[in-house]
Amino acid sequence: MKISVATAQDAAAVSRLIGSVARFFTLQPDGAGAEDFLKTISTDSVTRYLTDPRFAYFKAEQDGILAGVVAVRDASHLYHLFVDASFQRRGLSRQLWDHARAAVGEANPGYFTVNSTPYAQPVYERFGFVATGPRVETRGIAFVPMRLNAA
């Protein structure tokens, strides 16, 4: 598995990957009610993230196939961490998270936050994140706010 910086040329593939696992974070399997959120994972939106200096964005590829992505905003908020269904349960989330965490390094203010899907909450708990509030359901999605003290 090769992990490297994601670029604007990767936007369409990243958008497709996130869309392929959207059923894990939308309240309705077909995405009904989450249209505003789904716009944030469009190719145009992902292109903006990939070119925004506030984001550290990385991709994992195996044999030229996009297996996963991770993005940290402002060196402290785990913004995206998605793994293609065919690559899940192989430790790739951990590899991506460790890579992103190391990449932000000294710029990190001493903590990380994430709005975890309920589906991914056990993964983030294994990373050391703890819930900071109850499950939130809004605009067709569900998430649990979480925090990890980096020190």
N, C-alpha and C. Protein backbone atom coordinates (compact mmCIF):
# COMPACT_ATOMS: atom_id res chain seq x y z
N MET A 1 0.86 -1.18 0.00
CA MET A 1 0.00 0.00 0.00
C MET A 1 0.90 1.23 0.00
N LYS A 2 0.63 2.14 -0.92
CA LYS A 2 1.42 3.38 -1.01
C LYS A 2 0.55 4.54 -0.55
N ILE A 3 1.03 5.30 0.42
CA ILE A 3 0.33 6.50 0.90
C ILE A 3 1.12 7.71 0.43
N SER A 4 0.41 8.65 -0.21
CA SER A 4 1.06 9.85 -0.73
C SER A 4 0.09 11.02 -0.67
N VAL A 5 0.60 12.20 -0.98
CA VAL A 5 -0.22 13.41 -0.99
C VAL A 5 -1.26 13.29 -2.11
N ALA A 6 -2.50 13.60 -1.78
CA ALA A 6 -3.56 13.65 -2.79
C ALA A 6 -3.53 15.03 -3.45
N THR A 7 -3.79 15.07 -4.75
CA THR A 7 -3.77 16.32 -5.50
C THR A 7 -5.12 16.54 -6.16
N ALA A 8 -5.27 17.71 -6.75
CA ALA A 8 -6.53 18.05 -7.42
C ALA A 8 -6.87 17.03 -8.52
N GLN A 9 -5.87 16.40 -9.10
CA GLN A 9 -6.13 15.38 -10.12
C GLN A 9 -6.82 14.15 -9.55
N ASP A 10 -6.78 14.00 -8.23
CA ASP A 10 -7.41 12.86 -7.56
C ASP A 10 -8.86 13.14 -7.15
N ALA A 11 -9.33 14.35 -7.37
CA ALA A 11 -10.63 14.77 -6.82
C ALA A 11 -11.78 13.87 -7.26
N ALA A 12 -11.88 13.53 -8.51
CA ALA A 12 -13.00 12.71 -8.97
C ALA A 12 -12.98 11.33 -8.31
N ALA A 13 -11.80 10.73 -8.24
CA ALA A 13 -11.69 9.41 -7.62
C ALA A 13 -11.99 9.47 -6.12
N VAL A 14 -11.53 10.52 -5.45
CA VAL A 14 -11.81 10.69 -4.03
C VAL A 14 -13.31 10.87 -3.81
N SER A 15 -13.93 11.69 -4.63
CA SER A 15 -15.37 11.91 -4.53
C SER A 15 -16.13 10.60 -4.72
N ARG A 16 -15.73 9.81 -5.70
CA ARG A 16 -16.39 8.51 -5.94
C ARG A 16 -16.21 7.57 -4.75
N LEU A 17 -15.00 7.54 -4.20
CA LEU A 17 -14.74 6.66 -3.06
C LEU A 17 -15.64 7.04 -1.88
N ILE A 18 -15.67 8.33 -1.53
CA ILE A 18 -16.49 8.76 -0.39
C ILE A 18 -17.96 8.47 -0.67
N GLY A 19 -18.40 8.76 -1.87
CA GLY A 19 -19.79 8.47 -2.23
C GLY A 19 -20.13 7.00 -2.12
N SER A 20 -19.17 6.15 -2.39
CA SER A 20 -19.43 4.70 -2.35
C SER A 20 -19.67 4.18 -0.94
N VAL A 21 -19.22 4.92 0.06
CA VAL A 21 -19.44 4.50 1.45
C VAL A 21 -20.40 5.44 2.19
N ALA A 22 -21.07 6.32 1.44
CA ALA A 22 -21.97 7.30 2.05
C ALA A 22 -23.09 6.65 2.85
N ARG A 23 -23.50 5.47 2.48
CA ARG A 23 -24.60 4.81 3.19
C ARG A 23 -24.27 4.57 4.66
N PHE A 24 -22.99 4.62 5.02
CA PHE A 24 -22.59 4.42 6.40
C PHE A 24 -22.76 5.68 7.26
N PHE A 25 -22.98 6.82 6.62
CA PHE A 25 -23.14 8.03 7.42
C PHE A 25 -24.40 8.82 7.13
N THR A 26 -25.15 8.44 6.11
CA THR A 26 -26.43 9.11 5.88
C THR A 26 -27.52 8.36 6.64
N LEU A 27 -28.53 9.10 7.08
CA LEU A 27 -29.61 8.47 7.83
C LEU A 27 -30.45 7.55 6.95
N GLN A 28 -30.59 7.92 5.69
CA GLN A 28 -31.32 7.10 4.73
C GLN A 28 -30.32 6.47 3.77
N PRO A 29 -30.43 5.17 3.50
CA PRO A 29 -29.45 4.52 2.61
C PRO A 29 -29.31 5.18 1.24
N ASP A 30 -30.38 5.80 0.75
CA ASP A 30 -30.31 6.45 -0.56
C ASP A 30 -29.84 7.90 -0.48
N GLY A 31 -29.51 8.37 0.73
CA GLY A 31 -29.01 9.73 0.90
C GLY A 31 -30.10 10.78 1.00
N ALA A 32 -31.36 10.39 0.98
CA ALA A 32 -32.46 11.36 1.09
C ALA A 32 -32.31 12.18 2.36
N GLY A 33 -32.44 13.49 2.20
CA GLY A 33 -32.30 14.41 3.32
C GLY A 33 -30.88 14.90 3.53
N ALA A 34 -29.91 14.24 2.93
CA ALA A 34 -28.50 14.61 3.12
C ALA A 34 -27.93 15.31 1.89
N GLU A 35 -28.79 15.86 1.06
CA GLU A 35 -28.33 16.46 -0.20
C GLU A 35 -27.28 17.55 0.01
N ASP A 36 -27.48 18.40 1.02
CA ASP A 36 -26.49 19.46 1.28
C ASP A 36 -25.14 18.86 1.65
N PHE A 37 -25.16 17.84 2.50
CA PHE A 37 -23.91 17.20 2.87
C PHE A 37 -23.27 16.53 1.65
N LEU A 38 -24.07 15.84 0.86
CA LEU A 38 -23.53 15.13 -0.29
C LEU A 38 -22.88 16.08 -1.29
N LYS A 39 -23.34 17.32 -1.34
CA LYS A 39 -22.68 18.32 -2.19
C LYS A 39 -21.25 18.57 -1.74
N THR A 40 -20.98 18.40 -0.44
CA THR A 40 -19.64 18.66 0.09
C THR A 40 -18.65 17.58 -0.30
N ILE A 41 -19.13 16.48 -0.87
CA ILE A 41 -18.22 15.44 -1.34
C ILE A 41 -18.23 15.32 -2.86
N SER A 42 -18.79 16.33 -3.53
CA SER A 42 -18.76 16.36 -4.99
C SER A 42 -17.32 16.57 -5.46
N THR A 43 -17.08 16.30 -6.72
CA THR A 43 -15.74 16.50 -7.28
C THR A 43 -15.28 17.94 -7.11
N ASP A 44 -16.17 18.90 -7.35
CA ASP A 44 -15.79 20.31 -7.20
C ASP A 44 -15.41 20.64 -5.76
N SER A 45 -16.20 20.14 -4.81
CA SER A 45 -15.90 20.41 -3.40
C SER A 45 -14.59 19.76 -3.00
N VAL A 46 -14.40 18.51 -3.40
CA VAL A 46 -13.16 17.82 -3.05
C VAL A 46 -11.96 18.52 -3.68
N THR A 47 -12.11 19.03 -4.88
CA THR A 47 -11.03 19.80 -5.51
C THR A 47 -10.66 20.99 -4.64
N ARG A 48 -11.66 21.67 -4.09
CA ARG A 48 -11.37 22.82 -3.22
C ARG A 48 -10.60 22.39 -1.97
N TYR A 49 -10.97 21.25 -1.37
CA TYR A 49 -10.22 20.78 -0.19
C TYR A 49 -8.78 20.46 -0.56
N LEU A 50 -8.62 19.79 -1.70
CA LEU A 50 -7.29 19.36 -2.10
C LEU A 50 -6.36 20.52 -2.43
N THR A 51 -6.92 21.67 -2.75
CA THR A 51 -6.10 22.84 -3.09
C THR A 51 -6.07 23.88 -1.98
N ASP A 52 -6.77 23.63 -0.89
CA ASP A 52 -6.83 24.55 0.25
C ASP A 52 -5.65 24.27 1.18
N PRO A 53 -4.80 25.25 1.46
CA PRO A 53 -3.62 25.00 2.30
C PRO A 53 -3.96 24.62 3.75
N ARG A 54 -5.20 24.80 4.16
CA ARG A 54 -5.57 24.40 5.52
C ARG A 54 -5.72 22.88 5.66
N PHE A 55 -5.75 22.18 4.53
CA PHE A 55 -5.95 20.73 4.54
C PHE A 55 -4.66 19.99 4.23
N ALA A 56 -4.38 18.96 5.00
CA ALA A 56 -3.35 17.97 4.67
C ALA A 56 -4.13 16.75 4.20
N TYR A 57 -4.02 16.40 2.93
CA TYR A 57 -4.87 15.38 2.32
C TYR A 57 -3.99 14.30 1.70
N PHE A 58 -4.26 13.04 2.05
CA PHE A 58 -3.44 11.93 1.59
C PHE A 58 -4.32 10.81 1.03
N LYS A 59 -3.74 10.03 0.15
CA LYS A 59 -4.44 8.91 -0.46
C LYS A 59 -3.62 7.64 -0.28
N ALA A 60 -4.32 6.52 -0.23
CA ALA A 60 -3.66 5.22 -0.20
C ALA A 60 -4.05 4.50 -1.48
N GLU A 61 -3.05 3.99 -2.17
CA GLU A 61 -3.29 3.28 -3.42
C GLU A 61 -2.59 1.92 -3.39
N GLN A 62 -3.25 0.97 -4.01
CA GLN A 62 -2.63 -0.33 -4.21
C GLN A 62 -2.81 -0.71 -5.67
N ASP A 63 -1.71 -0.92 -6.35
CA ASP A 63 -1.74 -1.27 -7.77
C ASP A 63 -2.58 -0.28 -8.58
N GLY A 64 -2.43 1.02 -8.27
CA GLY A 64 -3.13 2.07 -8.99
C GLY A 64 -4.59 2.25 -8.62
N ILE A 65 -5.07 1.51 -7.63
CA ILE A 65 -6.47 1.61 -7.19
C ILE A 65 -6.53 2.42 -5.91
N LEU A 66 -7.42 3.41 -5.89
CA LEU A 66 -7.59 4.23 -4.69
C LEU A 66 -8.28 3.40 -3.62
N ALA A 67 -7.59 3.17 -2.52
CA ALA A 67 -8.10 2.33 -1.44
C ALA A 67 -8.65 3.15 -0.28
N GLY A 68 -8.12 4.36 -0.07
CA GLY A 68 -8.58 5.18 1.04
C GLY A 68 -8.02 6.57 0.97
N VAL A 69 -8.65 7.46 1.78
CA VAL A 69 -8.21 8.85 1.86
C VAL A 69 -8.31 9.32 3.30
N VAL A 70 -7.49 10.30 3.61
CA VAL A 70 -7.54 10.94 4.93
C VAL A 70 -7.21 12.41 4.74
N ALA A 71 -7.91 13.26 5.50
CA ALA A 71 -7.65 14.70 5.45
C ALA A 71 -7.74 15.27 6.86
N VAL A 72 -6.78 16.13 7.18
CA VAL A 72 -6.79 16.86 8.44
C VAL A 72 -6.85 18.35 8.10
N ARG A 73 -7.82 19.04 8.71
CA ARG A 73 -7.96 20.48 8.48
C ARG A 73 -7.36 21.22 9.67
N ASP A 74 -6.64 22.27 9.38
CA ASP A 74 -6.05 23.15 10.40
C ASP A 74 -5.20 22.37 11.41
N ALA A 75 -4.58 21.30 10.96
CA ALA A 75 -3.67 20.48 11.76
C ALA A 75 -4.32 19.89 13.01
N SER A 76 -5.67 19.94 13.09
CA SER A 76 -6.30 19.45 14.32
C SER A 76 -7.64 18.74 14.13
N HIS A 77 -8.28 18.91 12.99
CA HIS A 77 -9.60 18.29 12.81
C HIS A 77 -9.52 17.22 11.73
N LEU A 78 -9.75 15.97 12.14
CA LEU A 78 -9.78 14.87 11.19
C LEU A 78 -11.04 15.02 10.36
N TYR A 79 -10.88 15.54 9.16
CA TYR A 79 -11.99 15.96 8.33
C TYR A 79 -12.56 14.82 7.50
N HIS A 80 -11.69 14.02 6.90
CA HIS A 80 -12.09 12.86 6.12
C HIS A 80 -11.20 11.68 6.48
N LEU A 81 -11.81 10.53 6.62
CA LEU A 81 -11.08 9.26 6.70
C LEU A 81 -12.03 8.20 6.16
N PHE A 82 -11.80 7.82 4.92
CA PHE A 82 -12.68 6.87 4.25
C PHE A 82 -11.83 5.80 3.58
N VAL A 83 -12.30 4.57 3.70
CA VAL A 83 -11.63 3.43 3.08
C VAL A 83 -12.65 2.70 2.22
N ASP A 84 -12.26 2.40 1.00
CA ASP A 84 -13.11 1.64 0.09
C ASP A 84 -13.52 0.34 0.77
N ALA A 85 -14.77 -0.07 0.57
CA ALA A 85 -15.30 -1.26 1.23
C ALA A 85 -14.44 -2.50 1.01
N SER A 86 -13.84 -2.64 -0.17
CA SER A 86 -13.03 -3.83 -0.45
C SER A 86 -11.69 -3.83 0.28
N PHE A 87 -11.32 -2.70 0.90
CA PHE A 87 -10.06 -2.61 1.64
C PHE A 87 -10.28 -2.48 3.14
N GLN A 88 -11.51 -2.50 3.59
CA GLN A 88 -11.79 -2.33 5.01
C GLN A 88 -11.40 -3.58 5.80
N ARG A 89 -11.18 -3.35 7.09
CA ARG A 89 -10.82 -4.41 8.06
C ARG A 89 -9.44 -5.02 7.78
N ARG A 90 -8.54 -4.17 7.25
CA ARG A 90 -7.17 -4.61 6.99
C ARG A 90 -6.15 -3.69 7.64
N GLY A 91 -6.61 -2.75 8.47
CA GLY A 91 -5.69 -1.83 9.13
C GLY A 91 -5.38 -0.57 8.34
N LEU A 92 -6.06 -0.37 7.21
CA LEU A 92 -5.74 0.80 6.39
C LEU A 92 -6.15 2.10 7.06
N SER A 93 -7.26 2.10 7.76
CA SER A 93 -7.65 3.33 8.48
C SER A 93 -6.55 3.76 9.43
N ARG A 94 -6.00 2.81 10.16
CA ARG A 94 -4.91 3.11 11.11
C ARG A 94 -3.69 3.63 10.36
N GLN A 95 -3.34 3.02 9.26
CA GLN A 95 -2.19 3.49 8.49
C GLN A 95 -2.39 4.92 8.01
N LEU A 96 -3.57 5.20 7.48
CA LEU A 96 -3.87 6.56 7.00
C LEU A 96 -3.84 7.55 8.15
N TRP A 97 -4.48 7.21 9.27
CA TRP A 97 -4.52 8.10 10.42
C TRP A 97 -3.10 8.36 10.93
N ASP A 98 -2.30 7.32 11.10
CA ASP A 98 -0.93 7.50 11.58
C ASP A 98 -0.13 8.39 10.63
N HIS A 99 -0.33 8.20 9.34
CA HIS A 99 0.38 9.02 8.34
C HIS A 99 -0.03 10.49 8.46
N ALA A 100 -1.32 10.74 8.52
CA ALA A 100 -1.81 12.12 8.60
C ALA A 100 -1.37 12.79 9.90
N ARG A 101 -1.47 12.05 10.98
CA ARG A 101 -1.08 12.60 12.29
C ARG A 101 0.39 12.99 12.29
N ALA A 102 1.23 12.14 11.75
CA ALA A 102 2.66 12.45 11.67
C ALA A 102 2.90 13.63 10.74
N ALA A 103 2.14 13.73 9.67
CA ALA A 103 2.34 14.80 8.68
C ALA A 103 2.06 16.18 9.27
N VAL A 104 1.05 16.28 10.13
CA VAL A 104 0.76 17.60 10.70
C VAL A 104 1.73 17.95 11.81
N GLY A 105 2.31 16.93 12.45
CA GLY A 105 3.40 17.09 13.41
C GLY A 105 3.29 18.26 14.36
N GLU A 106 4.29 19.11 14.33
CA GLU A 106 4.41 20.24 15.25
C GLU A 106 3.31 21.28 15.10
N ALA A 107 2.65 21.29 13.98
CA ALA A 107 1.56 22.27 13.77
C ALA A 107 0.32 21.94 14.60
N ASN A 108 0.22 20.69 15.08
CA ASN A 108 -0.95 20.29 15.86
C ASN A 108 -0.95 21.02 17.20
N PRO A 109 -2.13 21.55 17.63
CA PRO A 109 -2.21 22.30 18.88
C PRO A 109 -2.29 21.44 20.14
N GLY A 110 -2.15 20.12 20.03
CA GLY A 110 -2.19 19.25 21.20
C GLY A 110 -3.44 18.40 21.29
N TYR A 111 -4.30 18.49 20.31
CA TYR A 111 -5.52 17.68 20.29
C TYR A 111 -5.99 17.52 18.85
N PHE A 112 -6.83 16.52 18.66
CA PHE A 112 -7.52 16.31 17.39
C PHE A 112 -9.01 16.16 17.69
N THR A 113 -9.84 16.61 16.76
CA THR A 113 -11.27 16.39 16.85
C THR A 113 -11.73 15.66 15.60
N VAL A 114 -12.89 15.04 15.71
CA VAL A 114 -13.50 14.37 14.57
C VAL A 114 -15.00 14.30 14.82
N ASN A 115 -15.77 14.41 13.77
CA ASN A 115 -17.20 14.13 13.84
C ASN A 115 -17.37 12.74 13.23
N SER A 116 -17.39 11.74 14.08
CA SER A 116 -17.40 10.35 13.64
C SER A 116 -18.79 9.88 13.25
N THR A 117 -18.85 9.11 12.18
CA THR A 117 -20.10 8.41 11.90
C THR A 117 -20.29 7.38 13.01
N PRO A 118 -21.53 7.08 13.37
CA PRO A 118 -21.73 6.01 14.36
C PRO A 118 -21.06 4.70 13.93
N TYR A 119 -21.05 4.42 12.65
CA TYR A 119 -20.42 3.21 12.12
C TYR A 119 -18.92 3.17 12.43
N ALA A 120 -18.26 4.33 12.33
CA ALA A 120 -16.80 4.39 12.52
C ALA A 120 -16.39 4.67 13.96
N GLN A 121 -17.33 4.95 14.84
CA GLN A 121 -16.98 5.31 16.22
C GLN A 121 -16.05 4.29 16.89
N PRO A 122 -16.29 2.98 16.76
CA PRO A 122 -15.35 2.04 17.39
C PRO A 122 -13.92 2.15 16.85
N VAL A 123 -13.77 2.48 15.59
CA VAL A 123 -12.43 2.66 15.02
C VAL A 123 -11.75 3.84 15.69
N TYR A 124 -12.45 4.96 15.79
CA TYR A 124 -11.86 6.14 16.41
C TYR A 124 -11.57 5.91 17.89
N GLU A 125 -12.41 5.15 18.56
CA GLU A 125 -12.13 4.82 19.96
C GLU A 125 -10.85 4.02 20.07
N ARG A 126 -10.60 3.10 19.13
CA ARG A 126 -9.33 2.36 19.14
C ARG A 126 -8.15 3.28 18.90
N PHE A 127 -8.36 4.38 18.17
CA PHE A 127 -7.31 5.37 17.96
C PHE A 127 -7.07 6.22 19.21
N GLY A 128 -7.99 6.17 20.18
CA GLY A 128 -7.86 6.95 21.41
C GLY A 128 -8.83 8.11 21.52
N PHE A 129 -9.67 8.33 20.54
CA PHE A 129 -10.68 9.39 20.60
C PHE A 129 -11.75 9.01 21.62
N VAL A 130 -12.32 10.03 22.26
CA VAL A 130 -13.46 9.82 23.17
C VAL A 130 -14.58 10.77 22.75
N ALA A 131 -15.80 10.29 22.92
CA ALA A 131 -16.96 11.12 22.58
C ALA A 131 -17.01 12.33 23.51
N THR A 132 -17.33 13.48 22.93
CA THR A 132 -17.45 14.71 23.73
C THR A 132 -18.90 15.18 23.81
N GLY A 133 -19.79 14.42 23.22
CA GLY A 133 -21.20 14.76 23.23
C GLY A 133 -22.00 13.61 22.68
N PRO A 134 -23.32 13.74 22.71
CA PRO A 134 -24.18 12.67 22.21
C PRO A 134 -24.20 12.64 20.68
N ARG A 135 -24.75 11.57 20.17
CA ARG A 135 -24.97 11.43 18.73
C ARG A 135 -25.84 12.59 18.25
N VAL A 136 -25.46 13.17 17.11
CA VAL A 136 -26.18 14.28 16.50
C VAL A 136 -26.77 13.78 15.18
N GLU A 137 -28.04 14.10 14.95
CA GLU A 137 -28.66 13.82 13.66
C GLU A 137 -29.12 15.14 13.09
N THR A 138 -28.57 15.50 11.93
CA THR A 138 -28.90 16.77 11.30
C THR A 138 -28.68 16.67 9.80
N ARG A 139 -29.54 17.32 9.04
CA ARG A 139 -29.38 17.43 7.59
C ARG A 139 -29.12 16.08 6.92
N GLY A 140 -29.78 15.03 7.43
CA GLY A 140 -29.70 13.73 6.80
C GLY A 140 -28.51 12.87 7.15
N ILE A 141 -27.68 13.32 8.08
CA ILE A 141 -26.52 12.53 8.50
C ILE A 141 -26.52 12.39 10.02
N ALA A 142 -25.74 11.45 10.50
CA ALA A 142 -25.55 11.25 11.93
C ALA A 142 -24.06 11.26 12.23
N PHE A 143 -23.68 11.85 13.37
CA PHE A 143 -22.28 11.83 13.77
C PHE A 143 -22.18 11.96 15.29
N VAL A 144 -21.02 11.59 15.80
CA VAL A 144 -20.69 11.71 17.21
C VAL A 144 -19.45 12.58 17.31
N PRO A 145 -19.53 13.74 18.01
CA PRO A 145 -18.32 14.56 18.16
C PRO A 145 -17.33 13.85 19.09
N MET A 146 -16.06 13.86 18.69
CA MET A 146 -15.02 13.15 19.47
C MET A 146 -13.75 14.00 19.52
N ARG A 147 -12.90 13.66 20.50
CA ARG A 147 -11.65 14.39 20.69
C ARG A 147 -10.58 13.42 21.15
N LEU A 148 -9.36 13.72 20.74
CA LEU A 148 -8.18 12.98 21.16
C LEU A 148 -7.15 13.99 21.62
N ASN A 149 -6.70 13.86 22.86
CA ASN A 149 -5.59 14.70 23.31
C ASN A 149 -4.33 14.11 22.76
N ALA A 150 -3.56 14.90 22.05
CA ALA A 150 -2.41 14.41 21.31
C ALA A 150 -1.17 14.25 22.19
N ALA A 151 -1.15 14.86 23.34
CA ALA A 151 0.04 14.82 24.18
C ALA A 151 0.21 13.48 24.86
